[in-house]
Amino acid sequence: MHYFKVFVCLLFFNTLIGIQGVGANVLGSEEELVRLKEQAIYYLSKKQPDRAYETLKPAELVYAGDAQYNYLLGMAAIDSGHPEDASWAFERVVAVMPHHAGARMDMARAFFQLKDYPRAEKEFQLLQAMNPPESAQKAIAFYLAEIDRLSDRHPKWILTGSAYSAVGYSSNATGAPSEDNYIAAFAEMFSMTEDTVRQLYDVTDGEFEAADGFIDLGVSGVATYKRPGPWSFYAAPTLSRKTMFSKSDYSSLSLGAKLGGRWKEKKSDLNGYLQYSAIEQSGGSSISVQTAMIDYGYLLNSRSRLGGQVSWAGNSYQDSPSNNSQTTGISIYGSYIFGQYRPFVLQTQISVSSDEAINNRTDGDKDLLGVSVFGQYIFNQEHIFFGSVNFLESNYTLKRSLYNSPREDTQIAYGLGYLWQVNKAISVKTQINHTETTSNIALYDSAKQDASVRLSYSF
């Protein structure tokens, strides 16, 4: 029944051609135009809009002056998933036939699919004033109700969530120093050879760097309250469980919650939130983090964006309260998009922060400087290749009696990954990371490699 109106409208066109000269200003041959239209009508009657679109689209610049051609192209485009092409084709029809209800109806549908709700609403309201048949009135009423629901005229709740599972491997699952670093540190502190330290101290039973595999399961959700205008507010809980294969004491349970608000208007975007995170290891140790963040971004143009962040975080360690601290930081970032159909996105960030010890930490306070570069290449909206390089320098303020200078750490981390967006709900991500820390105190030198595969489901 949907395609029957094609033939009705064609009869209407044929009647008006002689009166208005609709098809008079055609650049190509009349014979070719007739052939293309007949072929498109055949495909549309067989419910093959894709083939009709492929037939008509290449000749659009040649025959765009013919109203019948434009109407057929619009029909084929909107039913084959090309609403933007459909809107242009129907606009050309309406320009010469403003009372053509079928073209105006489909043009309104195209605007709706493009989420151009103001223009769609205007066209549907014009159709209402034309006193259409009852079936058309019901369709128009449905679309106007949907536009009212989807527009920002009324407060609304938006609920989303995701669940994931991951399997991975870490070369330093314990996060502890290696035995060699431990012995080297003692040798440096007491001016001994490493062989002497091995003879005097029993280090074989200590907890050192150890490789292990893991399984990670998690779920998260976001409840957003969208008000009319630029403001929205959200709450986002998270829960995850990481299970180590052999180092069971380092398995952990993580719980988090975030409350925030967002203001977005034209090119500006302001986001602020409070977050609480708690991580409890099976071995008994735990850490809790309270975070406050304000982020502002400004869209310079369709390809580039600049922004900045101000943050505060408080860290509490149950088993080692001497490490408790609070960190205040500021950062600036920028991003740029290269290309169009297969874009490459590049983002850089520079941050400075101060970590203040609360309970007389042995190394005192520390200043941090961080630089990160992140890039991703998007192929056909389904395949994303990404990589990152991060640099972090930490300088402590106190000098231990056993060392000649305060502790200074430099950390470099880089990673590569691939994400396959299987469909709107399911994605698969594989990632490899390497982190290397060098310090003027040998005990804190370390290297770590992680690899994981993650399956996510969004709902």
Protein backbone atom coordinates (compact mmCIF):
# COMPACT_ATOMS: atom_id res chain seq x y z
CA MET A 1 0.00 0.00 0.00
CA HIS A 2 2.92 2.31 0.71
CA TYR A 3 4.17 2.09 -2.87
CA PHE A 4 0.69 2.45 -4.42
CA LYS A 5 0.84 6.20 -3.86
CA VAL A 6 3.83 6.35 -6.24
CA PHE A 7 1.55 5.54 -9.16
CA VAL A 8 -1.21 7.88 -7.98
CA CYS A 9 1.24 10.76 -7.69
CA LEU A 10 2.69 9.98 -11.13
CA LEU A 11 -0.75 10.33 -12.66
CA PHE A 12 -1.04 13.67 -10.88
CA PHE A 13 2.34 14.72 -12.26
CA ASN A 14 1.45 13.71 -15.82
CA THR A 15 -1.65 15.90 -15.67
CA LEU A 16 0.34 18.96 -14.58
CA ILE A 17 3.32 18.61 -16.89
CA GLY A 18 1.52 20.10 -19.83
CA ILE A 19 0.18 23.00 -17.72
CA GLN A 20 3.29 23.95 -15.65
CA GLY A 21 6.12 22.66 -17.81
CA VAL A 22 7.61 20.91 -14.83
CA GLY A 23 9.88 18.70 -16.91
CA ALA A 24 10.80 21.26 -19.52
CA ASN A 25 14.16 22.38 -18.12
CA VAL A 26 15.97 19.04 -18.21
CA LEU A 27 19.67 18.95 -19.12
CA GLY A 28 19.81 15.32 -20.34
CA SER A 29 17.81 13.52 -22.97
CA GLU A 30 14.08 12.93 -22.52
CA GLU A 31 14.50 9.30 -23.58
CA GLU A 32 17.06 8.61 -20.82
CA LEU A 33 14.91 10.42 -18.25
CA VAL A 34 11.88 8.30 -19.15
CA ARG A 35 13.98 5.12 -18.97
CA LEU A 36 15.34 5.98 -15.50
CA LYS A 37 11.90 6.80 -14.12
CA GLU A 38 10.34 3.65 -15.52
CA GLN A 39 13.15 1.56 -14.06
CA ALA A 40 12.80 3.25 -10.66
CA ILE A 41 9.02 2.72 -10.68
CA TYR A 42 9.60 -0.96 -11.39
CA TYR A 43 12.03 -1.34 -8.47
CA LEU A 44 9.72 0.56 -6.11
CA SER A 45 6.76 -1.63 -7.12
CA LYS A 46 8.92 -4.67 -6.27
CA LYS A 47 9.77 -3.11 -2.87
CA GLN A 48 13.43 -2.69 -3.82
CA PRO A 49 14.11 0.98 -2.86
CA ASP A 50 17.88 0.37 -2.69
CA ARG A 51 18.02 -0.49 -6.39
CA ALA A 52 15.73 2.42 -7.27
CA TYR A 53 18.04 4.78 -5.34
CA GLU A 54 21.14 3.37 -7.07
CA THR A 55 19.43 3.88 -10.43
CA LEU A 56 18.40 7.52 -9.89
CA LYS A 57 21.10 9.00 -7.65
CA PRO A 58 24.00 9.12 -10.20
CA ALA A 59 21.92 11.28 -12.56
CA GLU A 60 20.64 13.72 -9.93
CA LEU A 61 22.60 16.73 -11.21
CA VAL A 62 21.34 16.14 -14.74
CA TYR A 63 17.64 15.61 -14.04
CA ALA A 64 17.10 17.60 -10.82
CA GLY A 65 14.79 19.94 -12.77
CA ASP A 66 12.16 17.25 -13.30
CA ALA A 67 9.60 16.99 -10.49
CA GLN A 68 8.67 13.36 -11.21
CA TYR A 69 12.32 12.38 -11.08
CA ASN A 70 12.76 14.25 -7.77
CA TYR A 71 9.72 12.58 -6.23
CA LEU A 72 10.90 9.10 -7.22
CA LEU A 73 14.41 9.85 -5.96
CA GLY A 74 12.97 11.08 -2.65
CA MET A 75 10.84 7.94 -2.28
CA ALA A 76 13.79 5.68 -3.02
CA ALA A 77 16.12 7.62 -0.72
CA ILE A 78 13.89 7.75 2.34
CA ASP A 79 13.02 4.04 2.12
CA SER A 80 16.64 2.97 1.61
CA GLY A 81 18.10 4.88 4.56
CA HIS A 82 19.22 8.16 2.94
CA PRO A 83 16.98 10.78 4.62
CA GLU A 84 19.27 13.72 3.78
CA ASP A 85 19.10 13.00 0.04
CA ALA A 86 15.35 12.48 0.39
CA SER A 87 14.83 15.86 2.06
CA TRP A 88 16.61 17.69 -0.78
CA ALA A 89 14.66 15.82 -3.45
CA PHE A 90 11.28 16.48 -1.80
CA GLU A 91 12.15 20.15 -1.24
CA ARG A 92 12.64 20.50 -5.00
CA VAL A 93 9.20 18.95 -5.56
CA VAL A 94 7.48 21.19 -3.01
CA ALA A 95 9.19 24.26 -4.49
CA VAL A 96 7.19 23.82 -7.72
CA MET A 97 4.17 22.03 -6.22
CA PRO A 98 3.60 23.49 -2.75
CA HIS A 99 0.27 21.67 -2.34
CA HIS A 100 1.64 18.22 -3.14
CA ALA A 101 0.65 16.52 0.14
CA GLY A 102 2.53 13.29 -0.55
CA ALA A 103 5.86 15.03 -1.16
CA ARG A 104 5.38 17.30 1.84
CA MET A 105 4.51 14.32 4.06
CA ASP A 106 7.63 12.41 3.03
CA MET A 107 9.77 15.52 3.35
CA ALA A 108 8.52 15.88 6.94
CA ARG A 109 9.39 12.21 7.55
CA ALA A 110 12.90 12.84 6.20
CA PHE A 111 13.38 15.79 8.55
CA PHE A 112 12.17 13.59 11.43
CA GLN A 113 14.70 10.87 10.57
CA LEU A 114 17.42 13.53 10.44
CA LYS A 115 16.32 14.67 13.94
CA ASP A 116 15.61 18.14 12.55
CA TYR A 117 12.52 18.32 14.73
CA PRO A 118 11.67 22.04 14.26
CA ARG A 119 11.44 21.68 10.45
CA ALA A 120 9.63 18.35 10.69
CA GLU A 121 7.07 19.84 13.09
CA LYS A 122 6.49 22.81 10.78
CA GLU A 123 5.81 20.53 7.79
CA PHE A 124 3.47 18.25 9.74
CA GLN A 125 1.51 21.26 11.00
CA LEU A 126 1.16 22.55 7.42
CA LEU A 127 -0.17 19.13 6.43
CA GLN A 128 -2.70 19.25 9.26
CA ALA A 129 -4.01 22.54 7.88
CA MET A 130 -4.55 20.88 4.47
CA ASN A 131 -7.30 18.66 6.01
CA PRO A 132 -5.80 15.29 4.94
CA PRO A 133 -7.63 11.93 5.11
CA GLU A 134 -8.18 10.30 8.50
CA SER A 135 -5.31 7.81 8.06
CA ALA A 136 -2.91 10.65 7.29
CA GLN A 137 -4.21 12.65 10.26
CA LYS A 138 -3.41 9.73 12.59
CA ALA A 139 0.10 9.45 11.16
CA ILE A 140 0.66 13.21 11.52
CA ALA A 141 -0.63 13.14 15.12
CA PHE A 142 1.77 10.29 15.92
CA TYR A 143 4.78 12.15 14.51
CA LEU A 144 3.87 15.40 16.30
CA ALA A 145 3.56 13.51 19.59
CA GLU A 146 6.96 11.90 19.03
CA ILE A 147 8.52 15.28 18.23
CA ASP A 148 7.06 16.68 21.44
CA ARG A 149 8.45 13.72 23.39
CA LEU A 150 11.92 13.83 21.83
CA SER A 151 12.34 17.59 21.95
CA ASP A 152 13.66 19.37 25.04
CA ARG A 153 10.32 20.91 25.94
CA HIS A 154 9.61 18.71 28.95
CA PRO A 155 11.78 17.21 31.68
CA LYS A 156 12.59 13.56 31.06
CA TRP A 157 14.58 10.65 32.44
CA ILE A 158 17.04 8.74 30.27
CA LEU A 159 18.28 5.38 31.59
CA THR A 160 21.28 3.58 30.05
CA GLY A 161 23.65 0.89 31.23
CA SER A 162 26.37 -1.54 30.23
CA ALA A 163 27.86 -4.83 31.36
CA TYR A 164 31.24 -6.26 30.46
CA SER A 165 33.50 -9.24 30.92
CA ALA A 166 37.24 -9.30 30.31
CA VAL A 167 40.09 -11.76 30.49
CA GLY A 168 43.67 -10.58 30.70
CA TYR A 169 47.26 -11.04 31.82
CA SER A 170 49.58 -8.81 33.85
CA SER A 171 53.32 -9.22 34.22
CA ASN A 172 53.15 -7.53 37.63
CA ALA A 173 49.79 -8.43 39.11
CA THR A 174 50.92 -7.70 42.68
CA GLY A 175 52.16 -4.18 41.94
CA ALA A 176 55.20 -4.94 44.11
CA PRO A 177 58.90 -4.34 43.34
CA SER A 178 60.96 -7.12 41.82
CA GLU A 179 63.34 -9.10 43.99
CA ASP A 180 66.32 -7.64 42.09
CA ASN A 181 65.14 -4.08 42.76
CA TYR A 182 64.57 -4.90 46.41
CA ILE A 183 68.11 -6.24 46.84
CA ALA A 184 69.62 -3.38 44.85
CA ALA A 185 67.85 -0.88 47.13
CA PHE A 186 69.23 -2.55 50.29
CA ALA A 187 72.70 -2.69 48.78
CA GLU A 188 72.52 1.03 48.04
CA MET A 189 71.19 1.92 51.51
CA PHE A 190 73.89 0.00 53.43
CA SER A 191 76.74 0.33 50.91
CA MET A 192 76.95 -3.44 50.40
CA THR A 193 77.27 -5.66 47.39
CA GLU A 194 74.10 -7.38 46.21
CA ASP A 195 75.65 -10.81 46.95
CA THR A 196 76.24 -9.73 50.56
CA VAL A 197 72.61 -8.60 50.91
CA ARG A 198 71.40 -11.96 49.60
CA GLN A 199 73.50 -13.74 52.22
CA LEU A 200 72.38 -11.56 55.14
CA TYR A 201 68.71 -11.12 54.39
CA ASP A 202 66.08 -13.71 53.61
CA VAL A 203 64.17 -12.15 50.75
CA THR A 204 62.93 -15.32 49.08
CA ASP A 205 59.74 -15.41 51.17
CA GLY A 206 58.83 -11.78 50.54
CA GLU A 207 55.99 -10.56 48.31
CA PHE A 208 57.57 -9.44 45.07
CA GLU A 209 56.56 -8.82 41.49
CA ALA A 210 54.57 -11.74 40.11
CA ALA A 211 52.77 -12.39 36.83
CA ASP A 212 49.20 -13.62 36.78
CA GLY A 213 46.06 -13.79 34.68
CA PHE A 214 42.69 -12.39 35.65
CA ILE A 215 38.99 -12.29 34.86
CA ASP A 216 37.14 -8.99 35.20
CA LEU A 217 33.35 -8.61 35.36
CA GLY A 218 31.50 -5.34 35.73
CA VAL A 219 28.24 -3.47 35.35
CA SER A 220 27.43 0.25 35.27
CA GLY A 221 24.44 2.48 34.72
CA VAL A 222 23.58 6.12 34.11
CA ALA A 223 20.32 7.82 35.05
CA THR A 224 20.07 11.26 33.41
CA TYR A 225 17.45 13.87 34.22
CA LYS A 226 17.20 16.20 31.22
CA ARG A 227 15.55 19.53 31.82
CA PRO A 228 14.32 21.90 29.11
CA GLY A 229 17.24 24.05 28.07
CA PRO A 230 20.95 23.46 28.62
CA TRP A 231 20.93 21.70 32.00
CA SER A 232 20.94 17.97 32.78
CA PHE A 233 21.79 15.99 35.91
CA TYR A 234 22.95 12.41 36.26
CA ALA A 235 23.82 9.59 38.65
CA ALA A 236 26.15 6.76 37.63
CA PRO A 237 26.79 3.69 39.84
CA THR A 238 29.47 1.10 38.96
CA LEU A 239 30.34 -2.35 40.30
CA SER A 240 33.15 -4.66 39.21
CA ARG A 241 34.95 -7.78 40.37
CA LYS A 242 38.51 -8.70 39.37
CA THR A 243 39.56 -12.29 40.09
CA MET A 244 43.23 -13.29 39.89
CA PHE A 245 44.04 -16.83 38.79
CA SER A 246 46.78 -17.62 41.36
CA LYS A 247 47.40 -14.45 43.43
CA SER A 248 44.00 -14.58 45.10
CA ASP A 249 44.97 -12.01 47.75
CA TYR A 250 45.09 -9.43 44.95
CA SER A 251 41.59 -10.13 43.70
CA SER A 252 39.44 -7.07 44.27
CA LEU A 253 35.91 -5.74 44.43
CA SER A 254 35.28 -2.16 43.26
CA LEU A 255 32.24 -0.03 43.95
CA GLY A 256 31.70 3.51 42.71
CA ALA A 257 29.06 6.19 42.43
CA LYS A 258 29.06 9.52 40.60
CA LEU A 259 26.66 12.46 40.90
CA GLY A 260 26.96 15.33 38.48
CA GLY A 261 25.42 18.04 36.37
CA ARG A 262 26.05 19.23 32.84
CA TRP A 263 25.41 22.53 31.09
CA LYS A 264 25.63 22.48 27.31
CA GLU A 265 24.73 25.28 24.94
CA LYS A 266 25.96 25.94 21.41
CA LYS A 267 29.76 25.56 21.53
CA SER A 268 30.24 25.44 25.31
CA ASP A 269 30.06 22.41 27.57
CA LEU A 270 30.44 22.50 31.37
CA ASN A 271 30.46 19.28 33.38
CA GLY A 272 30.91 18.91 37.14
CA TYR A 273 30.61 15.88 39.41
CA LEU A 274 31.36 14.28 42.76
CA GLN A 275 32.55 10.68 42.80
CA TYR A 276 33.22 8.05 45.43
CA SER A 277 35.19 4.86 44.70
CA ALA A 278 36.07 2.01 47.04
CA ILE A 279 38.39 -0.89 46.19
CA GLU A 280 38.71 -3.83 48.57
CA GLN A 281 41.27 -6.59 48.01
CA SER A 282 40.69 -10.16 49.11
CA GLY A 283 43.90 -9.98 51.17
CA GLY A 284 42.32 -7.39 53.46
CA SER A 285 43.69 -4.08 52.20
CA SER A 286 41.40 -1.42 50.81
CA ILE A 287 41.46 2.10 49.40
CA SER A 288 38.74 4.71 49.05
CA VAL A 289 38.87 7.78 46.84
CA GLN A 290 36.65 10.86 46.93
CA THR A 291 36.84 13.04 43.81
CA ALA A 292 35.45 16.41 42.74
CA MET A 293 35.88 17.52 39.13
CA ILE A 294 34.89 20.49 36.96
CA ASP A 295 35.47 20.23 33.21
CA TYR A 296 34.86 22.96 30.62
CA GLY A 297 35.12 22.44 26.87
CA TYR A 298 34.70 24.85 23.95
CA LEU A 299 34.12 23.80 20.35
CA LEU A 300 36.29 26.03 18.16
CA ASN A 301 34.80 24.55 14.98
CA SER A 302 33.48 21.24 13.70
CA ARG A 303 36.97 19.69 13.95
CA SER A 304 38.73 21.18 16.98
CA ARG A 305 37.97 21.53 20.68
CA LEU A 306 39.78 23.04 23.66
CA GLY A 307 39.09 22.55 27.34
CA GLY A 308 40.35 22.48 30.88
CA GLN A 309 39.79 20.64 34.16
CA VAL A 310 40.12 21.44 37.84
CA SER A 311 40.07 18.48 40.23
CA TRP A 312 40.46 17.44 43.84
CA ALA A 313 40.84 13.91 45.22
CA GLY A 314 41.24 12.44 48.68
CA ASN A 315 42.90 9.00 49.02
CA SER A 316 42.52 6.79 52.11
CA TYR A 317 44.44 3.51 52.60
CA GLN A 318 43.14 1.15 55.27
CA ASP A 319 46.33 -0.89 55.76
CA SER A 320 48.84 1.94 55.27
CA PRO A 321 47.36 5.24 56.50
CA SER A 322 50.78 6.87 56.17
CA ASN A 323 50.08 6.99 52.42
CA ASN A 324 46.84 8.95 52.83
CA SER A 325 46.84 12.14 50.79
CA GLN A 326 44.79 14.73 48.99
CA THR A 327 45.56 15.84 45.44
CA THR A 328 44.66 19.09 43.72
CA GLY A 329 45.24 19.46 39.99
CA ILE A 330 44.58 21.49 36.88
CA SER A 331 44.89 20.46 33.25
CA ILE A 332 44.28 21.76 29.75
CA TYR A 333 43.51 19.65 26.68
CA GLY A 334 42.77 19.95 23.01
CA SER A 335 41.56 17.67 20.24
CA TYR A 336 41.46 17.79 16.45
CA ILE A 337 39.73 15.59 13.86
CA PHE A 338 41.55 14.80 10.62
CA GLY A 339 39.61 13.44 7.65
CA GLN A 340 35.86 12.96 7.31
CA TYR A 341 34.59 9.54 6.27
CA ARG A 342 37.40 7.67 8.04
CA PRO A 343 38.52 10.22 10.62
CA PHE A 344 41.61 10.25 12.78
CA VAL A 345 41.14 11.93 16.18
CA LEU A 346 44.16 13.34 18.05
CA GLN A 347 43.95 14.58 21.64
CA THR A 348 46.65 15.96 23.93
CA GLN A 349 46.55 16.92 27.60
CA ILE A 350 48.96 18.64 29.99
CA SER A 351 48.34 18.54 33.74
CA VAL A 352 50.02 19.75 36.91
CA SER A 353 49.00 18.71 40.40
CA SER A 354 50.09 18.72 44.01
CA ASP A 355 49.73 15.67 46.25
CA GLU A 356 49.72 16.64 49.92
CA ALA A 357 50.53 13.95 52.50
CA ILE A 358 48.12 13.81 55.47
CA ASN A 359 49.81 11.43 57.94
CA ASN A 360 53.52 12.26 57.72
CA ARG A 361 54.29 10.22 54.64
CA THR A 362 57.93 9.12 54.59
CA ASP A 363 58.67 10.87 51.31
CA GLY A 364 56.55 13.93 52.10
CA ASP A 365 54.42 15.82 49.63
CA LYS A 366 54.92 15.51 45.89
CA ASP A 367 54.46 17.60 42.76
CA LEU A 368 53.31 15.94 39.55
CA LEU A 369 53.59 16.89 35.89
CA GLY A 370 51.74 14.83 33.29
CA VAL A 371 51.60 14.87 29.50
CA SER A 372 49.44 12.52 27.44
CA VAL A 373 48.77 12.01 23.74
CA PHE A 374 45.88 9.90 22.51
CA GLY A 375 44.86 9.06 18.96
CA GLN A 376 42.20 6.91 17.33
CA TYR A 377 41.40 6.00 13.74
CA ILE A 378 37.76 5.24 12.96
CA PHE A 379 37.10 2.93 10.02
CA ASN A 380 33.53 2.73 8.71
CA GLN A 381 32.12 3.60 12.18
CA GLU A 382 32.65 -0.03 13.25
CA HIS A 383 36.39 -0.46 13.68
CA ILE A 384 38.42 1.82 15.94
CA PHE A 385 42.19 1.58 16.26
CA PHE A 386 43.67 3.59 19.12
CA GLY A 387 46.95 4.28 20.88
CA SER A 388 48.25 6.45 23.71
CA VAL A 389 51.50 7.69 25.23
CA ASN A 390 51.57 9.08 28.78
CA PHE A 391 54.39 10.73 30.73
CA LEU A 392 54.25 11.42 34.48
CA GLU A 393 56.97 12.98 36.60
CA SER A 394 56.70 12.88 40.43
CA ASN A 395 59.00 14.90 42.72
CA TYR A 396 58.81 14.38 46.49
CA THR A 397 59.76 17.02 49.05
CA LEU A 398 61.42 15.08 51.89
CA LYS A 399 64.82 13.43 51.87
CA ARG A 400 65.20 10.14 53.72
CA SER A 401 68.18 9.73 56.00
CA LEU A 402 69.34 6.70 54.00
CA TYR A 403 69.40 8.55 50.66
CA ASN A 404 71.25 11.58 49.39
CA SER A 405 68.25 13.31 47.79
CA PRO A 406 64.42 13.27 47.80
CA ARG A 407 62.70 10.64 45.72
CA GLU A 408 62.08 11.40 42.04
CA ASP A 409 60.02 9.08 39.82
CA THR A 410 59.45 9.17 36.07
CA GLN A 411 56.75 6.98 34.54
CA ILE A 412 56.16 6.34 30.85
CA ALA A 413 53.15 4.33 29.71
CA TYR A 414 52.03 3.50 26.21
CA GLY A 415 49.37 1.27 24.76
CA LEU A 416 47.70 0.05 21.60
CA GLY A 417 44.21 -1.28 21.11
CA TYR A 418 41.40 -2.18 18.76
CA LEU A 419 37.65 -1.89 19.28
CA TRP A 420 35.08 -3.59 17.08
CA GLN A 421 31.59 -2.14 17.38
CA VAL A 422 29.66 -5.25 16.37
CA ASN A 423 26.32 -3.42 16.58
CA LYS A 424 24.75 -0.67 18.67
CA ALA A 425 24.76 -2.89 21.76
CA ILE A 426 27.82 -5.16 21.52
CA SER A 427 31.50 -4.25 21.26
CA VAL A 428 34.78 -6.15 21.58
CA LYS A 429 37.98 -4.42 22.70
CA THR A 430 41.50 -5.80 22.86
CA GLN A 431 44.30 -3.77 24.40
CA ILE A 432 48.01 -4.03 25.24
CA ASN A 433 49.75 -1.64 27.66
CA HIS A 434 53.31 -1.19 28.87
CA THR A 435 54.24 0.90 31.92
CA GLU A 436 57.78 1.61 33.01
CA THR A 437 58.83 3.56 36.11
CA THR A 438 62.37 4.74 36.84
CA SER A 439 63.39 6.30 40.14
CA ASN A 440 66.53 7.67 41.77
CA ILE A 441 65.78 5.05 44.46
CA ALA A 442 66.22 1.61 42.95
CA LEU A 443 63.42 0.09 45.04
CA TYR A 444 60.79 1.94 43.01
CA ASP A 445 62.02 0.94 39.55
CA SER A 446 59.47 -1.26 37.83
CA ALA A 447 58.07 -2.41 34.50
CA LYS A 448 54.66 -3.84 33.77
CA GLN A 449 52.85 -5.24 30.73
CA ASP A 450 49.12 -5.83 30.57
CA ALA A 451 46.99 -7.44 27.85
CA SER A 452 43.24 -7.96 27.86
CA VAL A 453 40.20 -8.75 25.72
CA ARG A 454 36.90 -7.20 26.77
CA LEU A 455 33.33 -7.89 25.64
CA SER A 456 30.75 -5.17 26.43
CA TYR A 457 26.99 -5.02 26.11
CA SER A 458 25.15 -1.68 26.29
CA PHE A 459 21.45 -1.40 27.06
